[in-house]
Amino acid sequence: MGGRQNGNNCVRPGLRRVAFRRASAFMRLLRLLYDQVLLAIAAGIVLGTVAPDVAVAFKPLGDGFVRLIKMITPLLIFVTVVVGIAKMGDMKELGRVGLKAPSISKWSPRWPCSSA
C-alpha cells in the first residue's frame, strides 16, 4: 500500500500521535469561549505594544466586529421574546412579559451603541 497503515497517510504513526497530543492539549485550553477571549485580549495588548502600526492595520477588523454585535443584538432580543411568548401557556405570564418586553428591547440595543 505504499506506506499506508490503517488508512493513514503517515509513514510514522507514532510521530502523528505526539503531534495530535500536543494539539489536543492546546485545544483543551481553548475549549471554553472565555479562554479564547482572554487569549485574544492578551494577543491584542502584546501586538499593540510591540507593533502598533500592525495593530492599527487590524482596526477595520475590530470595527466590523463591533458592527456585527450591534446588528445581532436586536435580532437576538426579538427572537428571545418571541420564543418566550410562544412557550407560555398562561395569559397572566404573557401580560407580565408584555409589559417587560418593550423596555428590554428599547434599552438593550443601546448598550453596545453607547460606547461609540
Protein backbone atom coordinates (compact mmCIF):
# COMPACT_ATOMS: atom_id res chain seq x y z
CA MET A 1 0.00 0.00 0.00
CA GLY A 2 2.99 2.32 -0.18
CA GLY A 3 3.35 3.43 3.44
CA ARG A 4 -0.34 3.47 4.28
CA GLN A 5 -1.28 1.91 7.57
CA ASN A 6 -4.93 1.66 8.53
CA GLY A 7 -5.97 4.45 6.19
CA ASN A 8 -3.32 6.92 7.45
CA ASN A 9 -1.06 8.76 5.08
CA CYS A 10 1.55 8.97 7.83
CA VAL A 11 4.58 6.74 7.46
CA ARG A 12 5.47 7.09 11.15
CA PRO A 13 2.24 6.82 13.12
CA GLY A 14 3.99 7.46 16.46
CA LEU A 15 5.00 10.93 15.28
CA ARG A 16 1.42 11.69 14.35
CA ARG A 17 0.19 10.68 17.82
CA VAL A 18 2.67 13.03 19.51
CA ALA A 19 1.62 15.94 17.30
CA PHE A 20 -2.04 15.13 17.96
CA ARG A 21 -1.45 15.07 21.74
CA ARG A 22 0.21 18.48 21.60
CA ALA A 23 -2.60 19.91 19.50
CA SER A 24 -5.28 18.39 21.68
CA ALA A 25 -3.65 19.77 24.85
CA PHE A 26 -3.65 23.24 23.30
CA MET A 27 -7.24 22.84 22.14
CA ARG A 28 -8.27 21.71 25.63
CA LEU A 29 -7.00 25.05 26.90
CA LEU A 30 -9.05 26.93 24.31
CA ARG A 31 -12.22 24.85 24.55
CA LEU A 32 -14.09 27.46 26.55
CA LEU A 33 -15.10 30.74 24.96
CA TYR A 34 -13.81 32.94 27.76
CA ASP A 35 -10.36 31.36 27.40
CA GLN A 36 -10.41 32.29 23.73
CA VAL A 37 -11.50 35.85 24.56
CA LEU A 38 -8.76 36.23 27.17
CA LEU A 39 -6.17 34.92 24.71
CA ALA A 40 -7.40 37.38 22.05
CA ILE A 41 -7.24 40.28 24.54
CA ALA A 42 -3.71 39.31 25.54
CA ALA A 43 -2.66 38.99 21.90
CA GLY A 44 -4.15 42.43 21.16
CA ILE A 45 -2.28 44.01 24.07
CA VAL A 46 1.00 42.40 23.03
CA LEU A 47 0.51 43.35 19.38
CA GLY A 48 -0.41 46.94 20.29
CA THR A 49 2.67 47.24 22.49
CA VAL A 50 5.20 45.52 20.24
CA ALA A 51 3.98 46.61 16.80
CA PRO A 52 1.46 49.47 16.97
CA ASP A 53 1.48 50.00 13.21
CA VAL A 54 0.36 46.40 12.65
CA ALA A 55 -2.30 46.78 15.36
CA VAL A 56 -3.68 49.87 13.59
CA ALA A 57 -3.99 47.78 10.42
CA PHE A 58 -6.37 45.47 12.35
CA LYS A 59 -8.71 48.36 13.26
CA PRO A 60 -11.18 47.64 10.43
CA LEU A 61 -11.49 44.07 11.71
CA GLY A 62 -12.37 45.31 15.19
CA ASP A 63 -14.80 47.91 13.83
CA GLY A 64 -16.50 45.23 11.75
CA PHE A 65 -16.82 43.00 14.80
CA VAL A 66 -18.48 45.80 16.80
CA ARG A 67 -20.89 46.45 13.92
CA LEU A 68 -21.78 42.75 13.78
CA ILE A 69 -22.52 42.76 17.51
CA LYS A 70 -24.72 45.84 17.10
CA MET A 71 -26.54 44.14 14.24
CA ILE A 72 -27.13 40.86 16.10
CA THR A 73 -28.32 42.35 19.42
CA PRO A 74 -31.84 43.46 18.35
CA LEU A 75 -32.41 40.21 16.46
CA LEU A 76 -31.35 38.14 19.45
CA ILE A 77 -33.67 40.07 21.77
CA PHE A 78 -36.56 39.77 19.33
CA VAL A 79 -36.12 36.01 18.93
CA THR A 80 -35.80 35.55 22.69
CA VAL A 81 -39.03 37.44 23.35
CA VAL A 82 -40.92 35.65 20.58
CA VAL A 83 -39.82 32.20 21.74
CA GLY A 84 -40.62 33.10 25.34
CA ILE A 85 -44.12 34.22 24.39
CA ALA A 86 -44.64 31.16 22.20
CA LYS A 87 -43.77 28.81 25.08
CA MET A 88 -46.12 30.48 27.55
CA GLY A 89 -49.44 28.94 28.30
CA ASP A 90 -50.83 31.31 30.93
CA MET A 91 -52.24 34.69 29.92
CA LYS A 92 -51.08 36.34 33.17
CA GLU A 93 -47.49 35.45 32.35
CA LEU A 94 -48.00 36.81 28.86
CA GLY A 95 -49.19 40.12 30.33
CA ARG A 96 -46.13 40.42 32.57
CA VAL A 97 -43.77 39.68 29.68
CA GLY A 98 -45.76 42.07 27.51
CA LEU A 99 -45.00 44.86 29.94
CA LYS A 100 -41.32 43.99 30.27
CA ALA A 101 -40.55 43.32 26.61
CA PRO A 102 -40.78 46.90 25.26
CA SER A 103 -38.43 48.22 27.93
CA ILE A 104 -35.94 45.41 27.35
CA SER A 105 -36.00 45.81 23.58
CA LYS A 106 -35.72 49.59 23.89
CA TRP A 107 -32.69 49.77 26.19
CA SER A 108 -30.69 46.62 25.42
CA PRO A 109 -29.58 47.60 21.89
CA ARG A 110 -28.44 50.97 23.22
CA TRP A 111 -25.83 49.44 25.49
CA PRO A 112 -23.34 48.49 22.73
CA CYS A 113 -24.05 51.78 20.93
CA SER A 114 -23.33 53.94 23.97
CA SER A 115 -19.55 53.45 23.73
CA ALA A 116 -19.36 54.66 20.12
